[in-house]
Amino acid sequence: MNLEKLTIDVCDLALEVGEFLKLEVSKLRNTDIEYKGLHNYVTWVDKESERRIVEKLSKLLPGSGFIPEEYIR
């Protein structure tokens, strides 16, 4: 495994998802917020960001498992 390439790919992924977050967070409305628990909220932007990260990391690190915060089903 080429760790230098993996590092670059993970950094690129972080930048890509960060751009998505910056673009989409300004579009959120109060009705987009889901209540998960005391002081614990989630939006479709959170879920989609997590989905993108897990999808890409799964390709970069085949056979690896992930425990995402929002628990993608």
Protein backbone atom coordinates (compact mmCIF):
# COMPACT_ATOMS: atom_id res chain seq x y z
CA MET A 1 0.00 0.00 0.00
CA ASN A 2 1.32 3.39 -1.02
CA LEU A 3 0.76 5.50 2.09
CA GLU A 4 1.76 8.74 0.37
CA LYS A 5 -0.94 8.28 -2.30
CA LEU A 6 -3.47 7.23 0.34
CA THR A 7 -2.72 10.39 2.33
CA ILE A 8 -3.18 12.58 -0.75
CA ASP A 9 -6.44 10.81 -1.64
CA VAL A 10 -7.81 11.23 1.89
CA CYS A 11 -6.84 14.92 1.91
CA ASP A 12 -8.57 15.36 -1.47
CA LEU A 13 -11.67 13.67 -0.07
CA ALA A 14 -11.66 15.99 2.95
CA LEU A 15 -11.45 19.04 0.67
CA GLU A 16 -14.20 17.70 -1.61
CA VAL A 17 -16.60 17.02 1.25
CA GLY A 18 -15.67 20.34 2.89
CA GLU A 19 -16.67 22.17 -0.31
CA PHE A 20 -19.96 20.27 -0.37
CA LEU A 21 -20.61 21.29 3.25
CA LYS A 22 -19.81 24.95 2.58
CA LEU A 23 -22.18 25.04 -0.40
CA GLU A 24 -25.08 23.20 1.19
CA VAL A 25 -25.08 24.46 4.78
CA SER A 26 -26.25 27.90 3.68
CA LYS A 27 -29.33 26.29 2.08
CA LEU A 28 -30.51 24.62 5.28
CA ARG A 29 -33.77 25.63 6.91
CA ASN A 30 -35.03 24.91 10.41
CA THR A 31 -37.31 22.23 8.97
CA ASP A 32 -34.24 20.32 7.70
CA ILE A 33 -33.00 19.67 11.22
CA GLU A 34 -33.78 16.32 12.83
CA TYR A 35 -33.67 15.86 16.57
CA LYS A 36 -31.65 12.80 17.68
CA GLY A 37 -31.35 13.50 21.37
CA LEU A 38 -30.46 16.14 23.92
CA HIS A 39 -28.27 18.69 22.10
CA ASN A 40 -27.92 16.19 19.24
CA TYR A 41 -29.19 17.23 15.82
CA VAL A 42 -28.63 16.03 12.26
CA THR A 43 -29.48 17.25 8.75
CA TRP A 44 -29.49 15.68 5.32
CA VAL A 45 -26.20 17.55 4.72
CA ASP A 46 -24.60 15.67 7.63
CA LYS A 47 -25.90 12.35 6.35
CA GLU A 48 -24.83 12.98 2.76
CA SER A 49 -21.36 14.14 3.83
CA GLU A 50 -20.94 10.99 5.88
CA ARG A 51 -22.19 8.81 3.01
CA ARG A 52 -19.65 10.36 0.62
CA ILE A 53 -16.79 9.89 3.08
CA VAL A 54 -17.62 6.24 3.81
CA GLU A 55 -18.16 5.46 0.13
CA LYS A 56 -14.80 6.90 -0.92
CA LEU A 57 -12.87 5.48 2.04
CA SER A 58 -14.36 2.05 1.29
CA LYS A 59 -12.89 2.29 -2.20
CA LEU A 60 -9.53 3.51 -0.92
CA LEU A 61 -9.36 0.88 1.83
CA PRO A 62 -11.26 -2.18 0.57
CA GLY A 63 -12.23 -4.62 3.28
CA SER A 64 -12.16 -1.94 5.98
CA GLY A 65 -15.12 -1.28 8.22
CA PHE A 66 -16.41 2.06 9.38
CA ILE A 67 -18.64 3.15 12.25
CA PRO A 68 -20.12 6.46 11.10
CA GLU A 69 -21.67 8.89 13.55
CA GLU A 70 -25.02 9.09 11.78
CA TYR A 71 -25.06 5.33 11.08
CA ILE A 72 -25.71 4.90 7.38
CA ARG A 73 -28.10 2.01 6.68
